[in-house]
C-alpha cells in the first residue's frame, strides 16, 4: 500500500462542467464521476468551454484526467493549506472612525 502512494498514476474519467456567467453568479464547477479527489491529486479537464457570454449558463459533458498525488504531494498540500489558512487570520476589520 505504501508503494502505491510513492508513485503517481493517471486515469481518465467522465465529468460534467457547469459554468454560469450572470449578474447573480460567476462560477464553474466540475463534477467527476465515481472519483474522490484527495490531497495532492491534480485534475485536468479536456475540451471544456473557454467562454460563456454574459447572461449565459452551460452544462457540458467531457473527460478529465486525474493524476493521483504521491505521499510527498499529499504532505505538501496539507502543509501549504495550513499556511494559506493562517494568512486569512491576518486580515483585520476596522470600524469607521
PDB file of N, CA and C in Angstrom:
ATOM      1  N   UNK A   1       0.829  -1.194   0.000  1.00  0.00           N
ATOM      2  CA  UNK A   1       0.000   0.000   0.000  1.00  0.00           C
ATOM      3  C   UNK A   1       0.873   1.258   0.000  1.00  0.00           C
ATOM      4  N   UNK A   2       1.953   1.261   0.767  1.00  0.00           N
ATOM      5  CA  UNK A   2       2.828   2.438   0.797  1.00  0.00           C
ATOM      6  C   UNK A   2       3.459   2.635  -0.570  1.00  0.00           C
ATOM      7  N   UNK A   3       3.809   1.549  -1.248  1.00  0.00           N
ATOM      8  CA  UNK A   3       4.420   1.692  -2.576  1.00  0.00           C
ATOM      9  C   UNK A   3       3.480   2.388  -3.535  1.00  0.00           C
ATOM     10  N   UNK A   4       2.191   2.132  -3.421  1.00  0.00           N
ATOM     11  CA  UNK A   4       1.247   2.787  -4.329  1.00  0.00           C
ATOM     12  C   UNK A   4       1.168   4.289  -4.067  1.00  0.00           C
ATOM     13  N   UNK A   5       1.431   4.738  -2.832  1.00  0.00           N
ATOM     14  CA  UNK A   5       1.399   6.169  -2.529  1.00  0.00           C
ATOM     15  C   UNK A   5       2.707   6.856  -2.910  1.00  0.00           C
ATOM     16  N   UNK A   6       3.743   6.089  -3.258  1.00  0.00           N
ATOM     17  CA  UNK A   6       5.001   6.700  -3.677  1.00  0.00           C
ATOM     18  C   UNK A   6       5.016   7.000  -5.165  1.00  0.00           C
ATOM     19  N   UNK A   7       4.149   6.350  -5.926  1.00  0.00           N
ATOM     20  CA  UNK A   7       4.102   6.528  -7.376  1.00  0.00           C
ATOM     21  C   UNK A   7       2.864   7.326  -7.778  1.00  0.00           C
ATOM     22  N   UNK A   8       2.976   8.042  -8.879  1.00  0.00           N
ATOM     23  CA  UNK A   8       1.818   8.761  -9.422  1.00  0.00           C
ATOM     24  C   UNK A   8       1.179   7.902 -10.498  1.00  0.00           C
ATOM     25  N   UNK A   9      -0.138   7.895 -10.536  1.00  0.00           N
ATOM     26  CA  UNK A   9      -0.818   7.211 -11.637  1.00  0.00           C
ATOM     27  C   UNK A   9      -1.919   8.121 -12.154  1.00  0.00           C
ATOM     28  N   UNK A  10      -2.171   8.039 -13.446  1.00  0.00           N
ATOM     29  CA  UNK A  10      -3.176   8.874 -14.095  1.00  0.00           C
ATOM     30  C   UNK A  10      -4.229   7.999 -14.754  1.00  0.00           C
ATOM     31  N   UNK A  11      -5.454   8.516 -14.782  1.00  0.00           N
ATOM     32  CA  UNK A  11      -6.544   7.821 -15.464  1.00  0.00           C
ATOM     33  C   UNK A  11      -7.587   8.841 -15.879  1.00  0.00           C
ATOM     34  N   UNK A  12      -8.358   8.497 -16.895  1.00  0.00           N
ATOM     35  CA  UNK A  12      -9.401   9.380 -17.412  1.00  0.00           C
ATOM     36  C   UNK A  12     -10.754   8.983 -16.846  1.00  0.00           C
ATOM     37  N   UNK A  13     -11.572  10.002 -16.552  1.00  0.00           N
ATOM     38  CA  UNK A  13     -12.931   9.779 -16.057  1.00  0.00           C
ATOM     39  C   UNK A  13     -13.875  10.745 -16.759  1.00  0.00           C
ATOM     40  N   UNK A  14     -15.138  10.361 -16.935  1.00  0.00           N
ATOM     41  CA  UNK A  14     -16.113  11.312 -17.466  1.00  0.00           C
ATOM     42  C   UNK A  14     -16.436  12.362 -16.403  1.00  0.00           C
ATOM     43  N   UNK A  15     -16.778  13.560 -16.859  1.00  0.00           N
ATOM     44  CA  UNK A  15     -17.133  14.620 -15.919  1.00  0.00           C
ATOM     45  C   UNK A  15     -18.167  15.546 -16.545  1.00  0.00           C
ATOM     46  N   UNK A  16     -18.788  16.343 -15.700  1.00  0.00           N
ATOM     47  CA  UNK A  16     -19.744  17.359 -16.122  1.00  0.00           C
ATOM     48  C   UNK A  16     -19.213  18.710 -15.669  1.00  0.00           C
ATOM     49  N   UNK A  17     -19.157  19.670 -16.594  1.00  0.00           N
ATOM     50  CA  UNK A  17     -18.700  21.026 -16.290  1.00  0.00           C
ATOM     51  C   UNK A  17     -19.908  21.949 -16.358  1.00  0.00           C
ATOM     52  N   UNK A  18     -20.164  22.662 -15.261  1.00  0.00           N
ATOM     53  CA  UNK A  18     -21.254  23.643 -15.208  1.00  0.00           C
ATOM     54  C   UNK A  18     -20.633  25.031 -15.089  1.00  0.00           C
ATOM     55  N   UNK A  19     -20.989  25.928 -16.006  1.00  0.00           N
ATOM     56  CA  UNK A  19     -20.471  27.294 -15.982  1.00  0.00           C
ATOM     57  C   UNK A  19     -21.644  28.256 -16.028  1.00  0.00           C
ATOM     58  N   UNK A  20     -21.611  29.257 -15.144  1.00  0.00           N
ATOM     59  CA  UNK A  20     -22.638  30.303 -15.139  1.00  0.00           C
ATOM     60  C   UNK A  20     -21.948  31.662 -15.152  1.00  0.00           C
ATOM     61  N   UNK A  21     -22.416  32.552 -16.030  1.00  0.00           N
ATOM     62  CA  UNK A  21     -21.850  33.900 -16.156  1.00  0.00           C
ATOM     63  C   UNK A  21     -23.016  34.877 -16.219  1.00  0.00           C
ATOM     64  N   UNK A  22     -23.578  35.179 -15.055  1.00  0.00           N
ATOM     65  CA  UNK A  22     -24.731  36.076 -14.966  1.00  0.00           C
ATOM     66  C   UNK A  22     -24.431  37.185 -13.969  1.00  0.00           C
ATOM     67  N   UNK A  23     -25.355  38.128 -13.847  1.00  0.00           N
ATOM     68  CA  UNK A  23     -25.202  39.205 -12.862  1.00  0.00           C
ATOM     69  C   UNK A  23     -25.261  38.652 -11.440  1.00  0.00           C
ATOM     70  N   UNK A  24     -25.936  37.542 -11.270  1.00  0.00           N
ATOM     71  CA  UNK A  24     -26.087  36.943  -9.946  1.00  0.00           C
ATOM     72  C   UNK A  24     -24.883  36.084  -9.553  1.00  0.00           C
ATOM     73  N   UNK A  25     -24.249  35.432 -10.529  1.00  0.00           N
ATOM     74  CA  UNK A  25     -23.179  34.495 -10.199  1.00  0.00           C
ATOM     75  C   UNK A  25     -22.194  34.340 -11.351  1.00  0.00           C
ATOM     76  N   UNK A  26     -20.940  34.155 -10.992  1.00  0.00           N
ATOM     77  CA  UNK A  26     -19.891  33.804 -11.951  1.00  0.00           C
ATOM     78  C   UNK A  26     -19.146  32.628 -11.344  1.00  0.00           C
ATOM     79  N   UNK A  27     -19.372  31.436 -11.876  1.00  0.00           N
ATOM     80  CA  UNK A  27     -18.727  30.254 -11.314  1.00  0.00           C
ATOM     81  C   UNK A  27     -18.587  29.152 -12.353  1.00  0.00           C
ATOM     82  N   UNK A  28     -17.704  28.215 -12.026  1.00  0.00           N
ATOM     83  CA  UNK A  28     -17.526  26.999 -12.826  1.00  0.00           C
ATOM     84  C   UNK A  28     -17.329  25.843 -11.849  1.00  0.00           C
ATOM     85  N   UNK A  29     -18.062  24.778 -12.054  1.00  0.00           N
ATOM     86  CA  UNK A  29     -17.961  23.585 -11.207  1.00  0.00           C
ATOM     87  C   UNK A  29     -17.689  22.376 -12.089  1.00  0.00           C
ATOM     88  N   UNK A  30     -16.828  21.493 -11.606  1.00  0.00           N
ATOM     89  CA  UNK A  30     -16.544  20.231 -12.295  1.00  0.00           C
ATOM     90  C   UNK A  30     -16.976  19.096 -11.377  1.00  0.00           C
ATOM     91  N   UNK A  31     -17.814  18.224 -11.887  1.00  0.00           N
ATOM     92  CA  UNK A  31     -18.278  17.058 -11.145  1.00  0.00           C
ATOM     93  C   UNK A  31     -17.680  15.811 -11.800  1.00  0.00           C
ATOM     94  N   UNK A  32     -16.790  15.139 -11.074  1.00  0.00           N
ATOM     95  CA  UNK A  32     -16.166  13.911 -11.580  1.00  0.00           C
ATOM     96  C   UNK A  32     -17.047  12.722 -11.229  1.00  0.00           C
ATOM     97  N   UNK A  33     -17.144  11.781 -12.136  1.00  0.00           N
ATOM     98  CA  UNK A  33     -17.992  10.615 -11.912  1.00  0.00           C
ATOM     99  C   UNK A  33     -17.196   9.473 -11.290  1.00  0.00           C
ATOM    100  N   UNK A  34     -17.596   9.089 -10.085  1.00  0.00           N
ATOM    101  CA  UNK A  34     -17.028   7.915  -9.438  1.00  0.00           C
ATOM    102  C   UNK A  34     -15.620   8.071  -8.905  1.00  0.00           C
ATOM    103  N   UNK A  35     -15.175   9.297  -8.660  1.00  0.00           N
ATOM    104  CA  UNK A  35     -13.816   9.517  -8.174  1.00  0.00           C
ATOM    105  C   UNK A  35     -13.856  10.493  -7.006  1.00  0.00           C
ATOM    106  N   UNK A  36     -13.163  10.158  -5.944  1.00  0.00           N
ATOM    107  CA  UNK A  36     -12.967  11.079  -4.831  1.00  0.00           C
ATOM    108  C   UNK A  36     -11.552  11.643  -4.918  1.00  0.00           C
ATOM    109  N   UNK A  37     -11.449  12.959  -4.919  1.00  0.00           N
ATOM    110  CA  UNK A  37     -10.158  13.621  -5.009  1.00  0.00           C
ATOM    111  C   UNK A  37      -9.571  13.728  -3.602  1.00  0.00           C
ATOM    112  N   UNK A  38      -8.283  13.462  -3.492  1.00  0.00           N
ATOM    113  CA  UNK A  38      -7.582  13.523  -2.214  1.00  0.00           C
ATOM    114  C   UNK A  38      -6.500  14.602  -2.282  1.00  0.00           C
ATOM    115  N   UNK A  39      -5.939  14.935  -1.133  1.00  0.00           N
ATOM    116  CA  UNK A  39      -4.884  15.947  -1.069  1.00  0.00           C
ATOM    117  C   UNK A  39      -3.716  15.527  -1.952  1.00  0.00           C
ATOM    118  N   UNK A  40      -3.242  16.450  -2.782  1.00  0.00           N
ATOM    119  CA  UNK A  40      -2.104  16.187  -3.660  1.00  0.00           C
ATOM    120  C   UNK A  40      -2.482  15.739  -5.054  1.00  0.00           C
ATOM    121  N   UNK A  41      -3.755  15.394  -5.273  1.00  0.00           N
ATOM    122  CA  UNK A  41      -4.196  14.978  -6.604  1.00  0.00           C
ATOM    123  C   UNK A  41      -4.353  16.197  -7.501  1.00  0.00           C
ATOM    124  N   UNK A  42      -4.234  15.983  -8.816  1.00  0.00           N
ATOM    125  CA  UNK A  42      -4.491  17.068  -9.770  1.00  0.00           C
ATOM    126  C   UNK A  42      -5.475  16.577 -10.825  1.00  0.00           C
ATOM    127  N   UNK A  43      -6.256  17.511 -11.357  1.00  0.00           N
ATOM    128  CA  UNK A  43      -7.287  17.195 -12.343  1.00  0.00           C
ATOM    129  C   UNK A  43      -7.124  18.136 -13.530  1.00  0.00           C
ATOM    130  N   UNK A  44      -7.113  17.570 -14.736  1.00  0.00           N
ATOM    131  CA  UNK A  44      -7.087  18.346 -15.968  1.00  0.00           C
ATOM    132  C   UNK A  44      -8.340  18.013 -16.761  1.00  0.00           C
ATOM    133  N   UNK A  45      -9.151  19.042 -17.045  1.00  0.00           N
ATOM    134  CA  UNK A  45     -10.393  18.853 -17.794  1.00  0.00           C
ATOM    135  C   UNK A  45     -10.108  19.125 -19.266  1.00  0.00           C
ATOM    136  N   UNK A  46     -10.545  18.214 -20.128  1.00  0.00           N
ATOM    137  CA  UNK A  46     -10.291  18.327 -21.564  1.00  0.00           C
ATOM    138  C   UNK A  46     -11.544  18.803 -22.294  1.00  0.00           C
ATOM    139  N   UNK A  47     -11.367  19.734 -23.225  1.00  0.00           N
ATOM    140  CA  UNK A  47     -12.433  20.222 -24.109  1.00  0.00           C
ATOM    141  C   UNK A  47     -13.581  20.905 -23.379  1.00  0.00           C
ATOM    142  N   UNK A  48     -13.297  21.547 -22.260  1.00  0.00           N
ATOM    143  CA  UNK A  48     -14.324  22.332 -21.565  1.00  0.00           C
ATOM    144  C   UNK A  48     -14.478  23.668 -22.286  1.00  0.00           C
ATOM    145  N   UNK A  49     -15.668  24.248 -22.273  1.00  0.00           N
ATOM    146  CA  UNK A  49     -15.844  25.546 -22.931  1.00  0.00           C
ATOM    147  C   UNK A  49     -14.983  26.607 -22.250  1.00  0.00           C
ATOM    148  N   UNK A  50     -14.370  27.458 -23.048  1.00  0.00           N
ATOM    149  CA  UNK A  50     -13.499  28.501 -22.508  1.00  0.00           C
ATOM    150  C   UNK A  50     -14.230  29.825 -22.347  1.00  0.00           C
ATOM    151  N   UNK A  51     -15.399  29.954 -22.953  1.00  0.00           N
ATOM    152  CA  UNK A  51     -16.115  31.226 -22.910  1.00  0.00           C
ATOM    153  C   UNK A  51     -17.619  30.981 -22.861  1.00  0.00           C
ATOM    154  N   UNK A  52     -18.266  31.686 -21.949  1.00  0.00           N
ATOM    155  CA  UNK A  52     -19.725  31.697 -21.881  1.00  0.00           C
ATOM    156  C   UNK A  52     -20.123  33.166 -21.879  1.00  0.00           C
ATOM    157  N   UNK A  53     -20.967  33.598 -22.816  1.00  0.00           N
ATOM    158  CA  UNK A  53     -21.326  35.020 -22.869  1.00  0.00           C
ATOM    159  C   UNK A  53     -22.096  35.448 -21.629  1.00  0.00           C
ATOM    160  N   UNK A  54     -22.040  36.751 -21.329  1.00  0.00           N
ATOM    161  CA  UNK A  54     -22.726  37.280 -20.151  1.00  0.00           C
ATOM    162  C   UNK A  54     -24.219  36.958 -20.235  1.00  0.00           C
ATOM    163  N   UNK A  55     -24.754  36.504 -19.122  1.00  0.00           N
ATOM    164  CA  UNK A  55     -26.154  36.124 -19.053  1.00  0.00           C
ATOM    165  C   UNK A  55     -26.378  34.657 -19.365  1.00  0.00           C
ATOM    166  N   UNK A  56     -25.306  33.940 -19.690  1.00  0.00           N
ATOM    167  CA  UNK A  56     -25.452  32.553 -20.112  1.00  0.00           C
ATOM    168  C   UNK A  56     -25.000  31.543 -19.079  1.00  0.00           C
ATOM    169  N   UNK A  57     -25.510  30.349 -19.230  1.00  0.00           N
ATOM    170  CA  UNK A  57     -25.059  29.202 -18.460  1.00  0.00           C
ATOM    171  C   UNK A  57     -24.880  28.038 -19.425  1.00  0.00           C
ATOM    172  N   UNK A  58     -24.002  27.121 -19.068  1.00  0.00           N
ATOM    173  CA  UNK A  58     -23.793  25.949 -19.906  1.00  0.00           C
ATOM    174  C   UNK A  58     -23.465  24.748 -19.033  1.00  0.00           C
ATOM    175  N   UNK A  59     -23.906  23.592 -19.461  1.00  0.00           N
ATOM    176  CA  UNK A  59     -23.558  22.321 -18.832  1.00  0.00           C
ATOM    177  C   UNK A  59     -22.995  21.443 -19.942  1.00  0.00           C
ATOM    178  N   UNK A  60     -21.754  20.995 -19.783  1.00  0.00           N
ATOM    179  CA  UNK A  60     -21.063  20.247 -20.817  1.00  0.00           C
ATOM    180  C   UNK A  60     -20.509  18.945 -20.248  1.00  0.00           C
ATOM    181  N   UNK A  61     -20.658  17.874 -21.003  1.00  0.00           N
ATOM    182  CA  UNK A  61     -20.055  16.592 -20.637  1.00  0.00           C
ATOM    183  C   UNK A  61     -18.693  16.499 -21.324  1.00  0.00           C
ATOM    184  N   UNK A  62     -17.659  16.169 -20.584  1.00  0.00           N
ATOM    185  CA  UNK A  62     -16.336  15.996 -21.163  1.00  0.00           C
ATOM    186  C   UNK A  62     -15.548  14.959 -20.367  1.00  0.00           C
ATOM    187  N   UNK A  63     -14.266  14.913 -20.626  1.00  0.00           N
ATOM    188  CA  UNK A  63     -13.384  13.951 -19.968  1.00  0.00           C
ATOM    189  C   UNK A  63     -12.349  14.702 -19.147  1.00  0.00           C
ATOM    190  N   UNK A  64     -11.995  14.139 -18.003  1.00  0.00           N
ATOM    191  CA  UNK A  64     -10.953  14.713 -17.153  1.00  0.00           C
ATOM    192  C   UNK A  64      -9.891  13.655 -16.885  1.00  0.00           C
ATOM    193  N   UNK A  65      -8.646  14.102 -16.795  1.00  0.00           N
ATOM    194  CA  UNK A  65      -7.554  13.225 -16.406  1.00  0.00           C
ATOM    195  C   UNK A  65      -7.214  13.511 -14.955  1.00  0.00           C
ATOM    196  N   UNK A  66      -7.302  12.484 -14.121  1.00  0.00           N
ATOM    197  CA  UNK A  66      -6.969  12.596 -12.704  1.00  0.00           C
ATOM    198  C   UNK A  66      -5.589  11.984 -12.507  1.00  0.00           C
ATOM    199  N   UNK A  67      -4.695  12.746 -11.895  1.00  0.00           N
ATOM    200  CA  UNK A  67      -3.366  12.243 -11.554  1.00  0.00           C
ATOM    201  C   UNK A  67      -3.283  12.180 -10.041  1.00  0.00           C
ATOM    202  N   UNK A  68      -3.177  10.969  -9.535  1.00  0.00           N
ATOM    203  CA  UNK A  68      -3.082  10.776  -8.092  1.00  0.00           C
ATOM    204  C   UNK A  68      -1.738  11.283  -7.603  1.00  0.00           C
ATOM    205  N   UNK A  69      -1.773  12.069  -6.531  1.00  0.00           N
ATOM    206  CA  UNK A  69      -0.544  12.565  -5.942  1.00  0.00           C
ATOM    207  C   UNK A  69       0.148  11.480  -5.142  1.00  0.00           C
ATOM    208  N   UNK A  70       1.459  11.596  -5.021  1.00  0.00           N
ATOM    209  CA  UNK A  70       2.185  10.647  -4.186  1.00  0.00           C
ATOM    210  C   UNK A  70       2.197  11.145  -2.743  1.00  0.00           C
ATOM    211  N   UNK A  71       2.902  10.460  -1.879  1.00  0.00           N
ATOM    212  CA  UNK A  71       2.938  10.803  -0.464  1.00  0.00           C
ATOM    213  C   UNK A  71       3.478  12.214  -0.246  1.00  0.00           C
ATOM    214  N   UNK A  72       4.515  12.589  -0.987  1.00  0.00           N
ATOM    215  CA  UNK A  72       5.076  13.936  -0.864  1.00  0.00           C
ATOM    216  C   UNK A  72       4.056  14.995  -1.297  1.00  0.00           C
ATOM    217  N   UNK A  73       3.333  14.751  -2.393  1.00  0.00           N
ATOM    218  CA  UNK A  73       2.320  15.698  -2.874  1.00  0.00           C
ATOM    219  C   UNK A  73       1.232  15.917  -1.821  1.00  0.00           C
ATOM    220  N   UNK A  74       0.788  14.839  -1.186  1.00  0.00           N
ATOM    221  CA  UNK A  74      -0.250  14.943  -0.155  1.00  0.00           C
ATOM    222  C   UNK A  74       0.260  15.737   1.049  1.00  0.00           C
ATOM    223  N   UNK A  75       1.475  15.454   1.490  1.00  0.00           N
ATOM    224  CA  UNK A  75       2.061  16.176   2.617  1.00  0.00           C
ATOM    225  C   UNK A  75       2.223  17.656   2.276  1.00  0.00           C
ATOM    226  N   UNK A  76       2.710  17.943   1.073  1.00  0.00           N
ATOM    227  CA  UNK A  76       2.900  19.335   0.647  1.00  0.00           C
ATOM    228  C   UNK A  76       1.559  20.083   0.594  1.00  0.00           C
ATOM    229  N   UNK A  77       0.514  19.424   0.102  1.00  0.00           N
ATOM    230  CA  UNK A  77      -0.809  20.052   0.035  1.00  0.00           C
ATOM    231  C   UNK A  77      -1.327  20.386   1.427  1.00  0.00           C
ATOM    232  N   UNK A  78      -1.113  19.492   2.380  1.00  0.00           N
ATOM    233  CA  UNK A  78      -1.556  19.754   3.753  1.00  0.00           C
ATOM    234  C   UNK A  78      -0.772  20.909   4.373  1.00  0.00           C
ATOM    235  N   UNK A  79       0.533  20.909   4.199  1.00  0.00           N
ATOM    236  CA  UNK A  79       1.355  21.961   4.798  1.00  0.00           C
ATOM    237  C   UNK A  79       1.043  23.330   4.204  1.00  0.00           C
ATOM    238  N   UNK A  80       0.973  23.423   2.884  1.00  0.00           N
ATOM    239  CA  UNK A  80       0.683  24.726   2.271  1.00  0.00           C
ATOM    240  C   UNK A  80      -0.758  25.140   2.525  1.00  0.00           C
ATOM    241  N   UNK A  81      -1.657  24.185   2.681  1.00  0.00           N
ATOM    242  CA  UNK A  81      -3.044  24.507   3.018  1.00  0.00           C
ATOM    243  C   UNK A  81      -3.136  25.177   4.374  1.00  0.00           C
ATOM    244  N   UNK A  82      -2.412  24.657   5.364  1.00  0.00           N
ATOM    245  CA  UNK A  82      -2.407  25.280   6.689  1.00  0.00           C
ATOM    246  C   UNK A  82      -1.815  26.676   6.633  1.00  0.00           C
ATOM    247  N   UNK A  83      -0.750  26.847   5.844  1.00  0.00           N
ATOM    248  CA  UNK A  83      -0.134  28.165   5.720  1.00  0.00           C
ATOM    249  C   UNK A  83      -1.100  29.154   5.074  1.00  0.00           C
ATOM    250  N   UNK A  84      -1.805  28.715   4.036  1.00  0.00           N
ATOM    251  CA  UNK A  84      -2.741  29.602   3.356  1.00  0.00           C
ATOM    252  C   UNK A  84      -3.901  29.990   4.265  1.00  0.00           C
ATOM    253  N   UNK A  85      -4.365  29.073   5.092  1.00  0.00           N
ATOM    254  CA  UNK A  85      -5.456  29.385   6.021  1.00  0.00           C
ATOM    255  C   UNK A  85      -4.981  30.372   7.079  1.00  0.00           C
ATOM    256  N   UNK A  86      -3.772  30.196   7.578  1.00  0.00           N
ATOM    257  CA  UNK A  86      -3.292  31.114   8.611  1.00  0.00           C
ATOM    258  C   UNK A  86      -3.089  32.521   8.062  1.00  0.00           C
ATOM    259  N   UNK A  87      -2.861  32.677   6.769  1.00  0.00           N
ATOM    260  CA  UNK A  87      -2.782  34.016   6.185  1.00  0.00           C
ATOM    261  C   UNK A  87      -4.118  34.734   6.300  1.00  0.00           C
ATOM    262  N   UNK A  88      -5.200  33.989   6.294  1.00  0.00           N
ATOM    263  CA  UNK A  88      -6.517  34.610   6.445  1.00  0.00           C
ATOM    264  C   UNK A  88      -6.692  35.214   7.825  1.00  0.00           C
ATOM    265  N   UNK A  89      -6.012  34.658   8.832  1.00  0.00           N
ATOM    266  CA  UNK A  89      -6.120  35.189  10.197  1.00  0.00           C
ATOM    267  C   UNK A  89      -5.562  36.592  10.295  1.00  0.00           C
ATOM    268  N   UNK A  90      -4.658  36.959   9.396  1.00  0.00           N
ATOM    269  CA  UNK A  90      -4.020  38.258   9.439  1.00  0.00           C
ATOM    270  C   UNK A  90      -4.908  39.382   8.914  1.00  0.00           C
ATOM    271  N   UNK A  91      -6.048  39.021   8.338  1.00  0.00           N
ATOM    272  CA  UNK A  91      -6.967  40.031   7.813  1.00  0.00           C
ATOM    273  C   UNK A  91      -7.658  40.689   9.008  1.00  0.00           C
ATOM    274  N   UNK A  92      -7.685  41.985   9.037  1.00  0.00           N
ATOM    275  CA  UNK A  92      -8.331  42.704  10.129  1.00  0.00           C
ATOM    276  C   UNK A  92      -9.457  43.569   9.605  1.00  0.00           C
ATOM    277  N   UNK A  93     -10.377  43.866  10.483  1.00  0.00           N
ATOM    278  CA  UNK A  93     -11.501  44.730  10.142  1.00  0.00           C
ATOM    279  C   UNK A  93     -11.498  45.907  11.103  1.00  0.00           C
ATOM    280  N   UNK A  94     -11.626  47.092  10.559  1.00  0.00           N
ATOM    281  CA  UNK A  94     -11.654  48.286  11.395  1.00  0.00           C
ATOM    282  C   UNK A  94     -12.974  48.994  11.187  1.00  0.00           C
ATOM    283  N   UNK A  95     -13.533  49.480  12.268  1.00  0.00           N
ATOM    284  CA  UNK A  95     -14.772  50.232  12.181  1.00  0.00           C
ATOM    285  C   UNK A  95     -14.530  51.620  11.616  1.00  0.00           C
ATOM    286  N   UNK A  96     -15.602  52.262  11.210  1.00  0.00           N
ATOM    287  CA  UNK A  96     -15.463  53.627  10.694  1.00  0.00           C
ATOM    288  C   UNK A  96     -15.129  54.584  11.817  1.00  0.00           C
ATOM    289  N   UNK A  97     -14.232  55.528  11.531  1.00  0.00           N
ATOM    290  CA  UNK A  97     -13.806  56.486  12.554  1.00  0.00           C
ATOM    291  C   UNK A  97     -14.742  57.660  12.629  1.00  0.00           C
TER     292      UNK A  97
END
